[in-house]
């Protein structure tokens, strides 16, 4: 009786270890893209794939592919700058903009700019536009 119980527990342990290994591999092969997000797949052999993955749960090849998740919802950003007007007065202006990436251009954005595209691109563009507008306006 004790030998049969020991044999049964040994089999349960083996089955449990096998199930945990299979479950771990299955968990690494799945990824989830939430609402308002898109994913770009990086493949270790071929680089960034040109397709954009939509919302839902998707499969990938573990340890070969990696999903890079982008938020494509409109995101507010406030940029403050101090600039001079035509009459040589200093003007402190804050511009609030809403930005979001174009989903079909995400692979190109990731390849050329990276995940921190907003911190790299937006400050220079907004400062340039703000200064051009303020210089053209005469402040009374």
C-alpha atoms as a PDB file:
ATOM      1  CA  UNK A   1       0.000   0.000   0.000  1.00  0.00           C
ATOM      2  CA  UNK A   2       2.761   2.446   0.903  1.00  0.00           C
ATOM      3  CA  UNK A   3       4.721   1.502  -2.217  1.00  0.00           C
ATOM      4  CA  UNK A   4       1.665   2.140  -4.425  1.00  0.00           C
ATOM      5  CA  UNK A   5       1.102   5.547  -2.802  1.00  0.00           C
ATOM      6  CA  UNK A   6       4.763   6.429  -3.240  1.00  0.00           C
ATOM      7  CA  UNK A   7       4.629   5.382  -6.901  1.00  0.00           C
ATOM      8  CA  UNK A   8       1.461   7.475  -7.444  1.00  0.00           C
ATOM      9  CA  UNK A   9       3.034  10.538  -5.825  1.00  0.00           C
ATOM     10  CA  UNK A  10       6.152  10.072  -7.962  1.00  0.00           C
ATOM     11  CA  UNK A  11       4.041  10.049 -11.124  1.00  0.00           C
ATOM     12  CA  UNK A  12       2.073  13.107  -9.977  1.00  0.00           C
ATOM     13  CA  UNK A  13       5.347  14.938  -9.352  1.00  0.00           C
ATOM     14  CA  UNK A  14       6.642  14.051 -12.816  1.00  0.00           C
ATOM     15  CA  UNK A  15       3.369  15.117 -14.444  1.00  0.00           C
ATOM     16  CA  UNK A  16       3.369  18.356 -12.411  1.00  0.00           C
ATOM     17  CA  UNK A  17       6.904  19.249 -13.474  1.00  0.00           C
ATOM     18  CA  UNK A  18       6.057  18.461 -17.104  1.00  0.00           C
ATOM     19  CA  UNK A  19       2.909  20.596 -16.991  1.00  0.00           C
ATOM     20  CA  UNK A  20       4.774  23.507 -15.418  1.00  0.00           C
ATOM     21  CA  UNK A  21       7.442  23.380 -18.156  1.00  0.00           C
ATOM     22  CA  UNK A  22       4.804  23.264 -20.899  1.00  0.00           C
ATOM     23  CA  UNK A  23       2.875  26.088 -19.210  1.00  0.00           C
ATOM     24  CA  UNK A  24       6.014  28.222 -18.918  1.00  0.00           C
ATOM     25  CA  UNK A  25       6.798  27.789 -22.608  1.00  0.00           C
ATOM     26  CA  UNK A  26       3.179  28.559 -23.548  1.00  0.00           C
ATOM     27  CA  UNK A  27       3.258  31.696 -21.401  1.00  0.00           C
ATOM     28  CA  UNK A  28       6.403  32.999 -23.100  1.00  0.00           C
ATOM     29  CA  UNK A  29       4.847  32.322 -26.521  1.00  0.00           C
ATOM     30  CA  UNK A  30       1.841  34.589 -25.853  1.00  0.00           C
ATOM     31  CA  UNK A  31       1.661  38.353 -25.578  1.00  0.00           C
ATOM     32  CA  UNK A  32      -1.235  40.752 -25.181  1.00  0.00           C
ATOM     33  CA  UNK A  33      -1.817  44.056 -26.973  1.00  0.00           C
ATOM     34  CA  UNK A  34      -4.329  46.155 -25.023  1.00  0.00           C
ATOM     35  CA  UNK A  35      -6.848  48.631 -26.399  1.00  0.00           C
ATOM     36  CA  UNK A  36      -5.259  51.801 -27.754  1.00  0.00           C
ATOM     37  CA  UNK A  37      -1.964  50.029 -28.369  1.00  0.00           C
ATOM     38  CA  UNK A  38      -0.205  48.452 -31.331  1.00  0.00           C
ATOM     39  CA  UNK A  39       2.827  46.181 -31.438  1.00  0.00           C
ATOM     40  CA  UNK A  40       5.802  45.874 -33.732  1.00  0.00           C
ATOM     41  CA  UNK A  41       7.625  42.524 -33.744  1.00  0.00           C
ATOM     42  CA  UNK A  42      11.414  42.415 -33.457  1.00  0.00           C
ATOM     43  CA  UNK A  43      12.890  39.169 -34.799  1.00  0.00           C
ATOM     44  CA  UNK A  44      16.464  38.342 -33.754  1.00  0.00           C
ATOM     45  CA  UNK A  45      17.241  36.935 -37.208  1.00  0.00           C
ATOM     46  CA  UNK A  46      15.459  39.342 -39.572  1.00  0.00           C
ATOM     47  CA  UNK A  47      15.148  42.535 -37.486  1.00  0.00           C
ATOM     48  CA  UNK A  48      12.002  44.618 -37.148  1.00  0.00           C
ATOM     49  CA  UNK A  49       9.109  43.205 -39.136  1.00  0.00           C
ATOM     50  CA  UNK A  50       7.184  45.647 -41.295  1.00  0.00           C
ATOM     51  CA  UNK A  51       3.736  44.609 -40.027  1.00  0.00           C
ATOM     52  CA  UNK A  52       1.852  46.232 -37.160  1.00  0.00           C
ATOM     53  CA  UNK A  53      -0.051  43.922 -34.790  1.00  0.00           C
ATOM     54  CA  UNK A  54      -3.451  45.073 -33.508  1.00  0.00           C
ATOM     55  CA  UNK A  55      -5.276  44.505 -30.236  1.00  0.00           C
ATOM     56  CA  UNK A  56      -5.686  41.057 -28.725  1.00  0.00           C
ATOM     57  CA  UNK A  57      -3.637  38.061 -27.644  1.00  0.00           C
ATOM     58  CA  UNK A  58      -1.055  36.873 -30.153  1.00  0.00           C
ATOM     59  CA  UNK A  59       1.564  34.142 -30.547  1.00  0.00           C
ATOM     60  CA  UNK A  60       5.278  34.621 -31.089  1.00  0.00           C
ATOM     61  CA  UNK A  61       8.347  32.411 -31.217  1.00  0.00           C
ATOM     62  CA  UNK A  62       9.869  32.456 -27.709  1.00  0.00           C
ATOM     63  CA  UNK A  63      13.431  33.826 -27.405  1.00  0.00           C
ATOM     64  CA  UNK A  64      13.452  34.694 -31.136  1.00  0.00           C
ATOM     65  CA  UNK A  65      10.718  37.329 -31.413  1.00  0.00           C
ATOM     66  CA  UNK A  66       9.958  40.205 -29.058  1.00  0.00           C
ATOM     67  CA  UNK A  67       6.916  42.523 -29.178  1.00  0.00           C
ATOM     68  CA  UNK A  68       7.521  46.268 -28.889  1.00  0.00           C
ATOM     69  CA  UNK A  69       4.310  47.894 -27.641  1.00  0.00           C
ATOM     70  CA  UNK A  70       3.371  51.442 -28.723  1.00  0.00           C
ATOM     71  CA  UNK A  71       0.589  53.575 -27.258  1.00  0.00           C
ATOM     72  CA  UNK A  72      -1.349  55.079 -30.177  1.00  0.00           C
ATOM     73  CA  UNK A  73      -3.860  57.084 -28.147  1.00  0.00           C
ATOM     74  CA  UNK A  74      -3.739  60.884 -28.257  1.00  0.00           C
ATOM     75  CA  UNK A  75      -1.352  62.047 -25.558  1.00  0.00           C
ATOM     76  CA  UNK A  76      -1.204  65.635 -24.254  1.00  0.00           C
ATOM     77  CA  UNK A  77       2.137  67.361 -23.860  1.00  0.00           C
ATOM     78  CA  UNK A  78       2.881  70.860 -22.560  1.00  0.00           C
ATOM     79  CA  UNK A  79       6.007  72.614 -23.797  1.00  0.00           C
ATOM     80  CA  UNK A  80       7.126  75.858 -22.142  1.00  0.00           C
ATOM     81  CA  UNK A  81       9.586  78.254 -23.707  1.00  0.00           C
ATOM     82  CA  UNK A  82      10.886  81.772 -23.188  1.00  0.00           C
ATOM     83  CA  UNK A  83      11.374  83.756 -26.353  1.00  0.00           C
ATOM     84  CA  UNK A  84      11.648  87.347 -27.500  1.00  0.00           C
ATOM     85  CA  UNK A  85       9.056  89.349 -29.427  1.00  0.00           C
ATOM     86  CA  UNK A  86       9.572  91.988 -32.141  1.00  0.00           C
ATOM     87  CA  UNK A  87       9.769  94.754 -29.548  1.00  0.00           C
ATOM     88  CA  UNK A  88      12.489  92.850 -27.596  1.00  0.00           C
ATOM     89  CA  UNK A  89      10.315  91.746 -24.689  1.00  0.00           C
ATOM     90  CA  UNK A  90      10.740  88.314 -23.141  1.00  0.00           C
ATOM     91  CA  UNK A  91       7.622  86.210 -23.450  1.00  0.00           C
ATOM     92  CA  UNK A  92       6.971  83.019 -21.484  1.00  0.00           C
ATOM     93  CA  UNK A  93       4.620  80.775 -23.462  1.00  0.00           C
ATOM     94  CA  UNK A  94       3.291  77.291 -22.804  1.00  0.00           C
ATOM     95  CA  UNK A  95       1.948  75.303 -25.722  1.00  0.00           C
ATOM     96  CA  UNK A  96      -0.242  72.258 -25.117  1.00  0.00           C
ATOM     97  CA  UNK A  97      -0.346  69.788 -27.976  1.00  0.00           C
ATOM     98  CA  UNK A  98      -2.008  66.437 -28.525  1.00  0.00           C
ATOM     99  CA  UNK A  99       0.081  63.919 -30.411  1.00  0.00           C
ATOM    100  CA  UNK A 100      -0.132  60.296 -31.443  1.00  0.00           C
ATOM    101  CA  UNK A 101       1.892  58.149 -33.821  1.00  0.00           C
ATOM    102  CA  UNK A 102       0.468  56.920 -37.094  1.00  0.00           C
ATOM    103  CA  UNK A 103      -0.043  53.148 -36.656  1.00  0.00           C
ATOM    104  CA  UNK A 104       1.141  52.234 -40.153  1.00  0.00           C
ATOM    105  CA  UNK A 105       4.436  54.094 -39.601  1.00  0.00           C
ATOM    106  CA  UNK A 106       5.326  52.420 -36.269  1.00  0.00           C
ATOM    107  CA  UNK A 107       8.062  50.120 -37.663  1.00  0.00           C
ATOM    108  CA  UNK A 108       9.757  53.120 -39.275  1.00  0.00           C
ATOM    109  CA  UNK A 109       9.420  55.189 -36.080  1.00  0.00           C
ATOM    110  CA  UNK A 110      10.960  52.396 -34.009  1.00  0.00           C
ATOM    111  CA  UNK A 111      13.844  51.864 -36.442  1.00  0.00           C
ATOM    112  CA  UNK A 112      14.766  55.524 -36.912  1.00  0.00           C
ATOM    113  CA  UNK A 113      13.788  57.245 -33.655  1.00  0.00           C
ATOM    114  CA  UNK A 114      13.005  54.640 -30.984  1.00  0.00           C
ATOM    115  CA  UNK A 115      10.359  54.268 -28.314  1.00  0.00           C
ATOM    116  CA  UNK A 116      11.017  57.757 -26.908  1.00  0.00           C
ATOM    117  CA  UNK A 117      10.038  59.471 -30.158  1.00  0.00           C
ATOM    118  CA  UNK A 118       7.928  62.109 -28.381  1.00  0.00           C
ATOM    119  CA  UNK A 119      10.817  63.270 -26.169  1.00  0.00           C
ATOM    120  CA  UNK A 120      13.166  63.430 -29.158  1.00  0.00           C
ATOM    121  CA  UNK A 121      10.985  65.060 -31.803  1.00  0.00           C
ATOM    122  CA  UNK A 122       8.314  67.213 -30.149  1.00  0.00           C
ATOM    123  CA  UNK A 123      10.429  69.693 -28.123  1.00  0.00           C
ATOM    124  CA  UNK A 124      12.462  70.875 -31.101  1.00  0.00           C
ATOM    125  CA  UNK A 125       9.437  71.217 -33.391  1.00  0.00           C
ATOM    126  CA  UNK A 126       7.264  73.017 -30.836  1.00  0.00           C
ATOM    127  CA  UNK A 127      10.051  75.414 -29.794  1.00  0.00           C
ATOM    128  CA  UNK A 128      10.707  76.312 -33.414  1.00  0.00           C
ATOM    129  CA  UNK A 129       7.012  76.915 -34.151  1.00  0.00           C
ATOM    130  CA  UNK A 130       6.467  78.908 -30.948  1.00  0.00           C
ATOM    131  CA  UNK A 131       9.421  81.190 -31.611  1.00  0.00           C
ATOM    132  CA  UNK A 132       8.338  81.783 -35.208  1.00  0.00           C
ATOM    133  CA  UNK A 133       4.802  82.728 -34.112  1.00  0.00           C
ATOM    134  CA  UNK A 134       5.863  84.956 -31.210  1.00  0.00           C
ATOM    135  CA  UNK A 135       8.406  86.886 -33.278  1.00  0.00           C
ATOM    136  CA  UNK A 136       5.745  87.716 -35.857  1.00  0.00           C
ATOM    137  CA  UNK A 137       3.283  89.080 -33.261  1.00  0.00           C
ATOM    138  CA  UNK A 138       3.676  92.571 -31.822  1.00  0.00           C
ATOM    139  CA  UNK A 139       2.883  92.549 -28.086  1.00  0.00           C
ATOM    140  CA  UNK A 140       1.234  95.715 -26.761  1.00  0.00           C
END
